PDB file of N, CA and C in Angstrom:
ATOM      1  N   MET A   1     124.774  71.285 -35.541  1.00  0.00           N
ATOM      2  CA  MET A   1     124.317  72.372 -36.432  1.00  0.00           C
ATOM      3  C   MET A   1     123.921  71.727 -37.944  1.00  0.00           C
ATOM      4  N   LEU A   2     122.856  71.643 -38.366  1.00  0.00           N
ATOM      5  CA  LEU A   2     122.414  71.170 -39.468  1.00  0.00           C
ATOM      6  C   LEU A   2     122.895  72.071 -40.701  1.00  0.00           C
ATOM      7  N   THR A   3     123.750  71.465 -41.662  1.00  0.00           N
ATOM      8  CA  THR A   3     124.356  72.254 -42.555  1.00  0.00           C
ATOM      9  C   THR A   3     124.190  71.658 -43.951  1.00  0.00           C
ATOM     10  N   TYR A   4     123.921  72.449 -44.868  1.00  0.00           N
ATOM     11  CA  TYR A   4     123.785  71.887 -46.444  1.00  0.00           C
ATOM     12  C   TYR A   4     124.739  72.654 -47.220  1.00  0.00           C
ATOM     13  N   VAL A   5     125.327  71.979 -48.149  1.00  0.00           N
ATOM     14  CA  VAL A   5     126.173  72.447 -49.342  1.00  0.00           C
ATOM     15  C   VAL A   5     125.324  72.888 -50.387  1.00  0.00           C
ATOM     16  N   LEU A   6     125.440  74.264 -50.708  1.00  0.00           N
ATOM     17  CA  LEU A   6     124.659  74.646 -51.969  1.00  0.00           C
ATOM     18  C   LEU A   6     125.230  74.664 -53.239  1.00  0.00           C
ATOM     19  N   GLN A   7     126.652  74.848 -53.007  1.00  0.00           N
ATOM     20  CA  GLN A   7     127.499  74.764 -54.206  1.00  0.00           C
ATOM     21  C   GLN A   7     128.819  73.911 -53.783  1.00  0.00           C
ATOM     22  N   GLU A   8     129.308  73.432 -54.872  1.00  0.00           N
ATOM     23  CA  GLU A   8     130.740  72.689 -54.431  1.00  0.00           C
ATOM     24  C   GLU A   8     131.727  73.408 -55.285  1.00  0.00           C
ATOM     25  N   GLY A   9     132.990  72.908 -55.144  1.00  0.00           N
ATOM     26  CA  GLY A   9     134.152  73.419 -55.761  1.00  0.00           C
ATOM     27  C   GLY A   9     134.760  74.518 -55.279  1.00  0.00           C
ATOM     28  N   LYS A  10     135.369  75.542 -56.091  1.00  0.00           N
ATOM     29  CA  LYS A  10     135.876  76.811 -55.539  1.00  0.00           C
ATOM     30  C   LYS A  10     134.709  77.736 -55.230  1.00  0.00           C
ATOM     31  N   GLU A  11     133.623  77.726 -55.726  1.00  0.00           N
ATOM     32  CA  GLU A  11     132.320  78.519 -55.433  1.00  0.00           C
ATOM     33  C   GLU A  11     131.657  78.003 -54.233  1.00  0.00           C
ATOM     34  N   ARG A  12     132.131  77.075 -53.357  1.00  0.00           N
ATOM     35  CA  ARG A  12     131.536  76.394 -52.243  1.00  0.00           C
ATOM     36  C   ARG A  12     130.718  77.406 -51.532  1.00  0.00           C
ATOM     37  N   ASN A  13     129.596  76.921 -51.200  1.00  0.00           N
ATOM     38  CA  ASN A  13     128.659  77.738 -50.344  1.00  0.00           C
ATOM     39  C   ASN A  13     127.893  76.851 -49.503  1.00  0.00           C
ATOM     40  N   TYR A  14     127.659  77.295 -48.206  1.00  0.00           N
ATOM     41  CA  TYR A  14     126.999  76.361 -47.237  1.00  0.00           C
ATOM     42  C   TYR A  14     125.803  77.301 -46.590  1.00  0.00           C
ATOM     43  N   ILE A  15     124.746  76.433 -46.005  1.00  0.00           N
ATOM     44  CA  ILE A  15     123.728  77.043 -45.388  1.00  0.00           C
ATOM     45  C   ILE A  15     123.457  76.160 -44.119  1.00  0.00           C
ATOM     46  N   ALA A  16     123.383  76.785 -42.937  1.00  0.00           N
ATOM     47  CA  ALA A  16     123.303  76.107 -41.588  1.00  0.00           C
ATOM     48  C   ALA A  16     122.209  76.539 -40.854  1.00  0.00           C
ATOM     49  N   PHE A  17     121.579  75.706 -39.979  1.00  0.00           N
ATOM     50  CA  PHE A  17     120.625  76.074 -38.995  1.00  0.00           C
ATOM     51  C   PHE A  17     120.811  75.854 -37.754  1.00  0.00           C
ATOM     52  N   CYS A  18     120.721  76.518 -36.685  1.00  0.00           N
ATOM     53  CA  CYS A  18     121.075  76.316 -35.441  1.00  0.00           C
ATOM     54  C   CYS A  18     120.073  76.841 -34.527  1.00  0.00           C
ATOM     55  N   MET A  19     119.768  76.143 -33.356  1.00  0.00           N
ATOM     56  CA  MET A  19     118.717  76.544 -32.554  1.00  0.00           C
ATOM     57  C   MET A  19     119.261  76.555 -30.988  1.00  0.00           C
ATOM     58  N   PRO A  20     120.069  77.535 -30.599  1.00  0.00           N
ATOM     59  CA  PRO A  20     120.472  77.619 -29.282  1.00  0.00           C
ATOM     60  C   PRO A  20     119.198  78.005 -28.254  1.00  0.00           C
ATOM     61  N   LYS A  21     119.354  78.245 -27.091  1.00  0.00           N
ATOM     62  CA  LYS A  21     118.462  78.410 -26.147  1.00  0.00           C
ATOM     63  C   LYS A  21     117.468  79.579 -26.543  1.00  0.00           C
ATOM     64  N   THR A  22     118.010  80.770 -26.966  1.00  0.00           N
ATOM     65  CA  THR A  22     117.099  81.949 -26.892  1.00  0.00           C
ATOM     66  C   THR A  22     116.733  82.319 -28.515  1.00  0.00           C
ATOM     67  N   HIS A  23     117.319  81.718 -29.492  1.00  0.00           N
ATOM     68  CA  HIS A  23     116.952  82.064 -30.759  1.00  0.00           C
ATOM     69  C   HIS A  23     117.197  81.046 -31.829  1.00  0.00           C
ATOM     70  N   PHE A  24     116.739  81.193 -32.843  1.00  0.00           N
ATOM     71  CA  PHE A  24     117.046  80.365 -34.169  1.00  0.00           C
ATOM     72  C   PHE A  24     117.988  81.187 -35.138  1.00  0.00           C
ATOM     73  N   SER A  25     118.918  80.577 -35.591  1.00  0.00           N
ATOM     74  CA  SER A  25     119.886  81.239 -36.469  1.00  0.00           C
ATOM     75  C   SER A  25     119.955  80.496 -37.798  1.00  0.00           C
ATOM     76  N   LEU A  26     119.982  81.485 -38.847  1.00  0.00           N
ATOM     77  CA  LEU A  26     120.330  80.915 -40.050  1.00  0.00           C
ATOM     78  C   LEU A  26     121.797  81.463 -40.495  1.00  0.00           C
ATOM     79  N   HIS A  27     122.758  80.494 -40.937  1.00  0.00           N
ATOM     80  CA  HIS A  27     124.276  80.919 -41.195  1.00  0.00           C
ATOM     81  C   HIS A  27     124.444  80.711 -42.555  1.00  0.00           C
ATOM     82  N   MET A  28     125.059  81.462 -43.343  1.00  0.00           N
ATOM     83  CA  MET A  28     125.376  81.384 -44.658  1.00  0.00           C
ATOM     84  C   MET A  28     126.880  81.900 -44.856  1.00  0.00           C
ATOM     85  N   THR A  29     127.508  81.093 -45.957  1.00  0.00           N
ATOM     86  CA  THR A  29     128.967  81.587 -46.288  1.00  0.00           C
ATOM     87  C   THR A  29     128.810  82.611 -47.144  1.00  0.00           C
ATOM     88  N   ASP A  30     127.616  82.875 -47.910  1.00  0.00           N
ATOM     89  CA  ASP A  30     127.367  83.955 -48.841  1.00  0.00           C
ATOM     90  C   ASP A  30     126.967  85.135 -48.057  1.00  0.00           C
ATOM     91  N   LEU A  31     128.055  85.995 -47.675  1.00  0.00           N
ATOM     92  CA  LEU A  31     127.763  87.199 -46.991  1.00  0.00           C
ATOM     93  C   LEU A  31     126.889  88.245 -47.716  1.00  0.00           C
ATOM     94  N   GLU A  32     127.048  88.244 -48.821  1.00  0.00           N
ATOM     95  CA  GLU A  32     126.191  89.291 -49.798  1.00  0.00           C
ATOM     96  C   GLU A  32     124.719  88.972 -49.602  1.00  0.00           C
ATOM     97  N   TYR A  33     124.545  87.726 -49.548  1.00  0.00           N
ATOM     98  CA  TYR A  33     123.038  87.186 -49.582  1.00  0.00           C
ATOM     99  C   TYR A  33     122.393  87.440 -48.129  1.00  0.00           C
ATOM    100  N   VAL A  34     123.358  87.302 -47.093  1.00  0.00           N
ATOM    101  CA  VAL A  34     123.069  87.732 -45.785  1.00  0.00           C
ATOM    102  C   VAL A  34     122.634  89.026 -45.716  1.00  0.00           C
ATOM    103  N   TRP A  35     123.485  89.982 -46.223  1.00  0.00           N
ATOM    104  CA  TRP A  35     123.011  91.446 -46.250  1.00  0.00           C
ATOM    105  C   TRP A  35     121.744  91.605 -46.798  1.00  0.00           C
ATOM    106  N   LYS A  36     121.526  91.090 -48.018  1.00  0.00           N
ATOM    107  CA  LYS A  36     120.427  91.244 -48.874  1.00  0.00           C
ATOM    108  C   LYS A  36     119.186  90.937 -47.858  1.00  0.00           C
ATOM    109  N   ILE A  37     119.212  89.813 -47.100  1.00  0.00           N
ATOM    110  CA  ILE A  37     118.350  89.458 -46.316  1.00  0.00           C
ATOM    111  C   ILE A  37     118.051  90.488 -45.011  1.00  0.00           C
ATOM    112  N   HIS A  38     119.152  90.871 -44.677  1.00  0.00           N
ATOM    113  CA  HIS A  38     119.062  91.976 -43.439  1.00  0.00           C
ATOM    114  C   HIS A  38     118.416  93.266 -44.083  1.00  0.00           C
ATOM    115  N   HIS A  39     118.733  93.538 -45.120  1.00  0.00           N
ATOM    116  CA  HIS A  39     118.048  94.856 -45.790  1.00  0.00           C
ATOM    117  C   HIS A  39     116.636  94.662 -45.986  1.00  0.00           C
ATOM    118  N   ARG A  40     116.245  93.426 -46.350  1.00  0.00           N
ATOM    119  CA  ARG A  40     114.735  93.261 -46.489  1.00  0.00           C
ATOM    120  C   ARG A  40     113.950  93.150 -45.109  1.00  0.00           C
ATOM    121  N   PHE A  41     114.719  92.581 -44.166  1.00  0.00           N
ATOM    122  CA  PHE A  41     114.106  92.385 -42.787  1.00  0.00           C
ATOM    123  C   PHE A  41     114.943  93.078 -41.794  1.00  0.00           C
ATOM    124  N   PRO A  42     115.157  94.340 -41.624  1.00  0.00           N
ATOM    125  CA  PRO A  42     116.193  94.954 -40.742  1.00  0.00           C
ATOM    126  C   PRO A  42     115.975  94.559 -39.329  1.00  0.00           C
ATOM    127  N   HIS A  43     114.590  94.189 -39.058  1.00  0.00           N
ATOM    128  CA  HIS A  43     114.168  93.815 -37.524  1.00  0.00           C
ATOM    129  C   HIS A  43     114.977  92.518 -37.252  1.00  0.00           C
ATOM    130  N   LEU A  44     115.367  91.762 -38.095  1.00  0.00           N
ATOM    131  CA  LEU A  44     115.856  90.413 -37.679  1.00  0.00           C
ATOM    132  C   LEU A  44     117.331  90.634 -37.150  1.00  0.00           C
ATOM    133  N   GLY A  45     117.781  90.013 -35.942  1.00  0.00           N
ATOM    134  CA  GLY A  45     118.929  90.144 -35.688  1.00  0.00           C
ATOM    135  C   GLY A  45     120.095  89.789 -36.619  1.00  0.00           C
ATOM    136  N   ASN A  46     121.051  90.390 -36.696  1.00  0.00           N
ATOM    137  CA  ASN A  46     122.050  90.184 -37.842  1.00  0.00           C
ATOM    138  C   ASN A  46     123.433  90.175 -37.119  1.00  0.00           C
ATOM    139  N   ARG A  47     124.364  89.120 -37.531  1.00  0.00           N
ATOM    140  CA  ARG A  47     125.826  89.218 -37.242  1.00  0.00           C
ATOM    141  C   ARG A  47     126.413  88.734 -38.468  1.00  0.00           C
ATOM    142  N   LYS A  48     127.562  88.877 -38.605  1.00  0.00           N
ATOM    143  CA  LYS A  48     128.275  88.552 -39.781  1.00  0.00           C
ATOM    144  C   LYS A  48     128.082  87.093 -40.219  1.00  0.00           C
ATOM    145  N   GLY A  49     127.503  86.842 -41.404  1.00  0.00           N
ATOM    146  CA  GLY A  49     127.200  85.629 -41.840  1.00  0.00           C
ATOM    147  C   GLY A  49     125.887  84.874 -41.174  1.00  0.00           C
ATOM    148  N   CYS A  50     125.226  85.589 -40.326  1.00  0.00           N
ATOM    149  CA  CYS A  50     124.056  84.982 -39.582  1.00  0.00           C
ATOM    150  C   CYS A  50     122.907  85.906 -39.398  1.00  0.00           C
ATOM    151  N   ILE A  51     121.700  85.263 -39.573  1.00  0.00           N
ATOM    152  CA  ILE A  51     120.559  86.031 -39.203  1.00  0.00           C
ATOM    153  C   ILE A  51     119.944  85.379 -38.041  1.00  0.00           C
ATOM    154  N   ASN A  52     119.661  86.072 -36.866  1.00  0.00           N
ATOM    155  CA  ASN A  52     118.952  85.563 -35.694  1.00  0.00           C
ATOM    156  C   ASN A  52     117.544  85.965 -35.449  1.00  0.00           C
ATOM    157  N   VAL A  53     116.658  85.093 -34.896  1.00  0.00           N
ATOM    158  CA  VAL A  53     115.235  85.447 -34.613  1.00  0.00           C
ATOM    159  C   VAL A  53     115.006  84.816 -33.158  1.00  0.00           C
ATOM    160  N   LYS A  54     114.861  85.648 -32.261  1.00  0.00           N
ATOM    161  CA  LYS A  54     114.559  85.233 -30.826  1.00  0.00           C
ATOM    162  C   LYS A  54     113.190  84.536 -30.868  1.00  0.00           C
ATOM    163  N   TYR A  55     113.114  83.426 -30.297  1.00  0.00           N
ATOM    164  CA  TYR A  55     112.089  82.485 -30.110  1.00  0.00           C
ATOM    165  C   TYR A  55     110.683  83.374 -29.403  1.00  0.00           C
ATOM    166  N   LYS A  56     111.002  84.272 -28.692  1.00  0.00           N
ATOM    167  CA  LYS A  56     109.821  85.134 -28.138  1.00  0.00           C
ATOM    168  C   LYS A  56     109.281  86.030 -29.308  1.00  0.00           C
ATOM    169  N   ASN A  57     109.825  86.272 -30.314  1.00  0.00           N
ATOM    170  CA  ASN A  57     109.402  87.233 -31.380  1.00  0.00           C
ATOM    171  C   ASN A  57     108.662  86.220 -32.557  1.00  0.00           C
ATOM    172  N   ARG A  58     107.653  85.728 -32.017  1.00  0.00           N
ATOM    173  CA  ARG A  58     106.909  84.924 -33.119  1.00  0.00           C
ATOM    174  C   ARG A  58     106.458  85.507 -34.278  1.00  0.00           C
ATOM    175  N   GLU A  59     106.362  86.811 -34.314  1.00  0.00           N
ATOM    176  CA  GLU A  59     105.836  87.622 -35.574  1.00  0.00           C
ATOM    177  C   GLU A  59     107.039  87.504 -36.695  1.00  0.00           C
ATOM    178  N   LEU A  60     108.191  87.317 -36.244  1.00  0.00           N
ATOM    179  CA  LEU A  60     109.471  87.369 -37.085  1.00  0.00           C
ATOM    180  C   LEU A  60     109.740  85.977 -37.614  1.00  0.00           C
ATOM    181  N   TRP A  61     109.021  85.021 -37.288  1.00  0.00           N
ATOM    182  CA  TRP A  61     109.191  83.610 -37.753  1.00  0.00           C
ATOM    183  C   TRP A  61     108.952  83.407 -39.228  1.00  0.00           C
ATOM    184  N   ASN A  62     107.719  83.975 -39.604  1.00  0.00           N
ATOM    185  CA  ASN A  62     107.204  83.714 -41.042  1.00  0.00           C
ATOM    186  C   ASN A  62     108.293  84.482 -41.796  1.00  0.00           C
ATOM    187  N   PRO A  63     108.551  85.723 -41.678  1.00  0.00           N
ATOM    188  CA  PRO A  63     109.654  86.323 -42.638  1.00  0.00           C
ATOM    189  C   PRO A  63     111.015  85.387 -42.778  1.00  0.00           C
ATOM    190  N   LEU A  64     111.347  84.787 -41.536  1.00  0.00           N
ATOM    191  CA  LEU A  64     112.690  84.076 -41.681  1.00  0.00           C
ATOM    192  C   LEU A  64     112.367  82.629 -42.470  1.00  0.00           C
ATOM    193  N   PHE A  65     111.176  82.009 -42.143  1.00  0.00           N
ATOM    194  CA  PHE A  65     110.830  80.758 -42.929  1.00  0.00           C
ATOM    195  C   PHE A  65     110.821  81.062 -44.440  1.00  0.00           C
ATOM    196  N   ALA A  66     110.215  82.287 -44.860  1.00  0.00           N
ATOM    197  CA  ALA A  66     110.206  82.669 -46.377  1.00  0.00           C
ATOM    198  C   ALA A  66     111.462  82.909 -46.902  1.00  0.00           C
ATOM    199  N   VAL A  67     112.418  83.298 -46.203  1.00  0.00           N
ATOM    200  CA  VAL A  67     113.828  83.594 -46.631  1.00  0.00           C
ATOM    201  C   VAL A  67     114.446  82.111 -46.777  1.00  0.00           C
ATOM    202  N   ILE A  68     114.204  81.348 -45.872  1.00  0.00           N
ATOM    203  CA  ILE A  68     114.736  79.979 -45.807  1.00  0.00           C
ATOM    204  C   ILE A  68     114.295  79.281 -47.044  1.00  0.00           C
ATOM    205  N   ASP A  69     112.834  79.325 -47.254  1.00  0.00           N
ATOM    206  CA  ASP A  69     112.391  78.689 -48.550  1.00  0.00           C
ATOM    207  C   ASP A  69     113.011  79.286 -49.687  1.00  0.00           C
ATOM    208  N   GLU A  70     113.194  80.702 -49.750  1.00  0.00           N
ATOM    209  CA  GLU A  70     113.939  81.219 -50.949  1.00  0.00           C
ATOM    210  C   GLU A  70     115.436  80.787 -51.205  1.00  0.00           C
ATOM    211  N   VAL A  71     116.175  80.567 -49.945  1.00  0.00           N
ATOM    212  CA  VAL A  71     117.434  80.019 -50.211  1.00  0.00           C
ATOM    213  C   VAL A  71     117.365  78.625 -50.583  1.00  0.00           C
ATOM    214  N   VAL A  72     116.427  77.759 -50.091  1.00  0.00           N
ATOM    215  CA  VAL A  72     116.469  76.546 -50.586  1.00  0.00           C
ATOM    216  C   VAL A  72     116.092  76.224 -52.091  1.00  0.00           C
ATOM    217  N   GLU A  73     115.170  77.103 -52.625  1.00  0.00           N
ATOM    218  CA  GLU A  73     114.882  77.164 -53.942  1.00  0.00           C
ATOM    219  C   GLU A  73     116.002  77.526 -54.704  1.00  0.00           C
ATOM    220  N   TRP A  74     116.832  78.472 -54.153  1.00  0.00           N
ATOM    221  CA  TRP A  74     118.208  79.026 -54.918  1.00  0.00           C
ATOM    222  C   TRP A  74     119.063  77.702 -55.159  1.00  0.00           C
TER     223      TRP A  74
END
């Protein structure tokens, strides 16, 4: 799983990307931010700390990639 450290020390925060067989996943330790993403895009699959997009749902890829760009900018 490709993982990046966004912040270090006590406020340590990570983002990771995973590509299992059926979907693409964005994982974050900042659960508040994950919930913000989920509220903006409720159609994206959501689990605790994770946003999932099934590969067959191509129309959802762009919203997820926009979120990823936003997170990287952050």
